[in-house]
């Protein structure tokens, strides 16, 4: 029986030591797990904060881009319509220029018709002005290939070379964008023979 008691007491001591070791191991593992969990949580929080900052920056960029696009649409939305209406202005100007200067000799109907065409042209020019559509009539200016289209060159000593001496068709711009270049004749130096 003594042997059994000794044996049992050894086993009990062994069990107690194992329990103590396992408790220490468990406690140590729990502490390490807690540290790992804290580090993981910190990393996740940092990532969430970074993602939030990126989302806010992206939203701000989208807002700015939308505002810019809206301004561009307001400013240049009628660009194609403006280009198409230029031929109407050209036709009305030709009609006014071809009308007789002496209106007194005309019948009342013809006189009123000519006055109506002139008034229509002036109203259209006022609408253009209201919408920042500007006429480019560059007679006497230096040739600029960005806003002028040279149709011919004419030899002359009267003006400096590269000066616009004739405007065949005026150009037009909308704000800072060219609707139609001015079609012009440009001077060049006379060749001495």
Protein backbone atom coordinates (compact mmCIF):
# COMPACT_ATOMS: atom_id res chain seq x y z
CA UNK A 1 0.00 0.00 0.00
CA UNK A 2 2.87 2.30 0.69
CA UNK A 3 4.09 1.73 -2.76
CA UNK A 4 0.74 2.67 -4.16
CA UNK A 5 0.60 5.81 -2.02
CA UNK A 6 4.04 6.86 -3.19
CA UNK A 7 3.11 6.11 -6.73
CA UNK A 8 -0.15 8.05 -6.40
CA UNK A 9 1.59 10.95 -4.74
CA UNK A 10 4.14 11.08 -7.58
CA UNK A 11 1.37 11.04 -10.12
CA UNK A 12 -0.48 13.75 -8.24
CA UNK A 13 2.63 15.92 -8.10
CA UNK A 14 3.19 15.30 -11.75
CA UNK A 15 -0.43 16.25 -12.51
CA UNK A 16 -0.14 19.39 -10.39
CA UNK A 17 3.05 20.41 -12.19
CA UNK A 18 1.45 19.72 -15.52
CA UNK A 19 -1.54 21.78 -14.49
CA UNK A 20 0.71 24.64 -13.35
CA UNK A 21 2.75 24.43 -16.52
CA UNK A 22 -0.31 24.23 -18.65
CA UNK A 23 -1.89 27.17 -16.79
CA UNK A 24 1.29 29.22 -17.32
CA UNK A 25 1.37 28.16 -20.94
CA UNK A 26 -2.27 28.98 -21.38
CA UNK A 27 -1.82 32.34 -19.67
CA UNK A 28 1.23 33.08 -21.81
CA UNK A 29 -0.63 32.06 -24.97
CA UNK A 30 -3.62 34.17 -23.96
CA UNK A 31 -1.36 37.19 -23.46
CA UNK A 32 0.29 36.60 -26.85
CA UNK A 33 -3.12 36.18 -28.47
CA UNK A 34 -4.33 39.37 -26.80
CA UNK A 35 -1.25 41.23 -28.10
CA UNK A 36 -1.80 39.79 -31.59
CA UNK A 37 -5.47 40.72 -31.47
CA UNK A 38 -4.60 44.27 -30.37
CA UNK A 39 -2.03 44.60 -33.17
CA UNK A 40 -4.51 43.24 -35.69
CA UNK A 41 -7.18 45.64 -34.44
CA UNK A 42 -4.75 48.56 -34.69
CA UNK A 43 -3.86 47.56 -38.25
CA UNK A 44 -7.54 47.23 -39.17
CA UNK A 45 -8.34 50.62 -37.61
CA UNK A 46 -5.43 52.25 -39.47
CA UNK A 47 -6.58 50.63 -42.71
CA UNK A 48 -10.16 51.79 -42.10
CA UNK A 49 -8.95 55.34 -41.41
CA UNK A 50 -6.81 55.28 -44.56
CA UNK A 51 -9.74 53.93 -46.61
CA UNK A 52 -11.99 56.66 -45.20
CA UNK A 53 -9.46 59.37 -46.08
CA UNK A 54 -9.15 58.00 -49.61
CA UNK A 55 -12.93 57.83 -50.00
CA UNK A 56 -13.30 61.42 -48.81
CA UNK A 57 -10.54 62.59 -51.18
CA UNK A 58 -12.15 60.70 -54.05
CA UNK A 59 -15.54 62.21 -53.25
CA UNK A 60 -14.01 65.71 -53.16
CA UNK A 61 -12.26 65.13 -56.50
CA UNK A 62 -15.51 63.89 -58.03
CA UNK A 63 -17.35 66.95 -56.68
CA UNK A 64 -14.74 69.31 -58.14
CA UNK A 65 -14.77 67.49 -61.47
CA UNK A 66 -18.57 67.67 -61.60
CA UNK A 67 -18.53 71.39 -60.88
CA UNK A 68 -15.95 71.93 -63.62
CA UNK A 69 -17.94 69.80 -66.09
CA UNK A 70 -21.10 71.73 -65.25
CA UNK A 71 -19.34 75.07 -65.79
CA UNK A 72 -17.95 73.83 -69.12
CA UNK A 73 -21.41 72.67 -70.20
CA UNK A 74 -22.92 76.03 -69.32
CA UNK A 75 -20.13 77.92 -71.03
CA UNK A 76 -19.78 75.82 -74.20
CA UNK A 77 -23.02 73.83 -74.35
CA UNK A 78 -24.32 75.87 -77.26
CA UNK A 79 -21.10 75.58 -79.29
CA UNK A 80 -22.48 73.45 -82.13
CA UNK A 81 -25.67 75.51 -82.34
CA UNK A 82 -23.58 78.69 -82.49
CA UNK A 83 -21.50 77.29 -85.36
CA UNK A 84 -24.62 76.44 -87.33
CA UNK A 85 -26.27 79.84 -86.81
CA UNK A 86 -23.23 81.67 -88.23
CA UNK A 87 -24.38 80.98 -91.78
CA UNK A 88 -27.67 82.71 -90.95
CA UNK A 89 -25.78 85.81 -89.79
CA UNK A 90 -23.66 85.72 -92.97
CA UNK A 91 -26.80 85.55 -95.13
CA UNK A 92 -28.49 88.41 -93.28
CA UNK A 93 -25.34 90.55 -93.57
CA UNK A 94 -25.17 89.89 -97.33
CA UNK A 95 -28.83 90.82 -97.65
CA UNK A 96 -28.30 94.08 -95.76
CA UNK A 97 -25.18 94.93 -97.81
CA UNK A 98 -26.96 94.24 -101.09
CA UNK A 99 -29.93 96.46 -100.21
CA UNK A 100 -29.98 99.88 -101.89
CA UNK A 101 -28.60 102.73 -99.81
CA UNK A 102 -31.23 105.18 -101.06
CA UNK A 103 -34.33 103.81 -99.30
CA UNK A 104 -36.38 106.93 -100.01
CA UNK A 105 -36.87 105.93 -103.64
CA UNK A 106 -38.27 102.48 -102.67
CA UNK A 107 -41.87 101.57 -102.04
CA UNK A 108 -43.01 101.37 -98.42
CA UNK A 109 -43.27 97.57 -98.53
CA UNK A 110 -39.70 97.09 -99.78
CA UNK A 111 -38.39 99.76 -97.40
CA UNK A 112 -40.08 98.05 -94.43
CA UNK A 113 -38.80 94.68 -95.56
CA UNK A 114 -35.19 95.96 -95.65
CA UNK A 115 -35.61 97.63 -92.25
CA UNK A 116 -36.99 94.34 -90.87
CA UNK A 117 -33.97 92.40 -92.14
CA UNK A 118 -31.63 95.00 -90.62
CA UNK A 119 -33.44 94.82 -87.28
CA UNK A 120 -33.33 91.01 -87.32
CA UNK A 121 -29.58 91.11 -87.94
CA UNK A 122 -29.09 93.57 -85.07
CA UNK A 123 -31.18 91.40 -82.73
CA UNK A 124 -29.15 88.34 -83.66
CA UNK A 125 -25.90 90.23 -83.04
CA UNK A 126 -27.26 91.29 -79.62
CA UNK A 127 -28.04 87.65 -78.78
CA UNK A 128 -24.49 86.73 -79.82
CA UNK A 129 -23.13 89.46 -77.59
CA UNK A 130 -25.23 88.25 -74.65
CA UNK A 131 -23.77 84.75 -75.07
CA UNK A 132 -20.14 85.90 -75.53
CA UNK A 133 -20.02 85.06 -79.23
CA UNK A 134 -17.52 87.55 -80.62
CA UNK A 135 -16.83 88.50 -84.22
CA UNK A 136 -13.23 88.29 -85.45
CA UNK A 137 -12.71 90.99 -88.09
CA UNK A 138 -8.91 91.24 -88.24
CA UNK A 139 -8.26 93.74 -91.04
CA UNK A 140 -4.84 95.37 -90.51
CA UNK A 141 -3.78 92.85 -87.82
CA UNK A 142 -0.86 90.43 -87.96
CA UNK A 143 -1.78 86.98 -89.30
CA UNK A 144 -2.30 84.40 -86.52
CA UNK A 145 -2.80 80.85 -87.73
CA UNK A 146 -4.73 80.05 -84.51
CA UNK A 147 -7.66 82.31 -85.46
CA UNK A 148 -7.13 83.12 -89.15
CA UNK A 149 -7.15 81.02 -92.29
CA UNK A 150 -5.11 82.45 -95.16
CA UNK A 151 -6.94 82.19 -98.47
CA UNK A 152 -4.36 84.03 -100.57
CA UNK A 153 -1.24 86.17 -100.41
CA UNK A 154 -0.89 89.50 -102.18
CA UNK A 155 2.37 91.23 -102.95
CA UNK A 156 2.46 94.80 -101.59
CA UNK A 157 4.86 97.31 -100.11
CA UNK A 158 2.12 99.38 -98.48
CA UNK A 159 1.94 97.27 -95.30
CA UNK A 160 4.32 95.01 -93.40
CA UNK A 161 4.62 91.41 -94.54
CA UNK A 162 2.15 89.06 -92.80
CA UNK A 163 -0.50 91.74 -92.30
CA UNK A 164 -4.13 90.94 -93.09
CA UNK A 165 -5.19 93.14 -95.98
CA UNK A 166 -8.58 91.64 -96.77
CA UNK A 167 -11.22 89.71 -94.85
CA UNK A 168 -13.26 87.41 -97.07
CA UNK A 169 -15.31 85.98 -94.23
CA UNK A 170 -15.17 87.12 -90.59
CA UNK A 171 -14.34 84.61 -87.89
CA UNK A 172 -16.22 84.00 -84.67
CA UNK A 173 -15.29 82.82 -81.19
CA UNK A 174 -17.29 81.62 -78.19
CA UNK A 175 -15.55 82.78 -75.00
CA UNK A 176 -12.02 81.56 -75.72
CA UNK A 177 -12.89 78.84 -78.25
CA UNK A 178 -12.82 79.40 -81.97
CA UNK A 179 -16.13 78.78 -83.72
CA UNK A 180 -14.86 79.64 -87.18
CA UNK A 181 -11.54 81.10 -88.32
CA UNK A 182 -11.53 84.36 -90.25
CA UNK A 183 -10.78 83.72 -93.93
CA UNK A 184 -8.27 86.36 -94.92
CA UNK A 185 -5.86 87.64 -97.53
CA UNK A 186 -2.32 88.26 -96.26
CA UNK A 187 0.35 90.64 -97.53
CA UNK A 188 3.77 89.53 -98.66
CA UNK A 189 6.79 91.46 -99.90
CA UNK A 190 6.94 92.42 -103.54
CA UNK A 191 9.55 90.56 -105.45
CA UNK A 192 11.83 93.12 -107.13
CA UNK A 193 12.67 92.32 -110.71
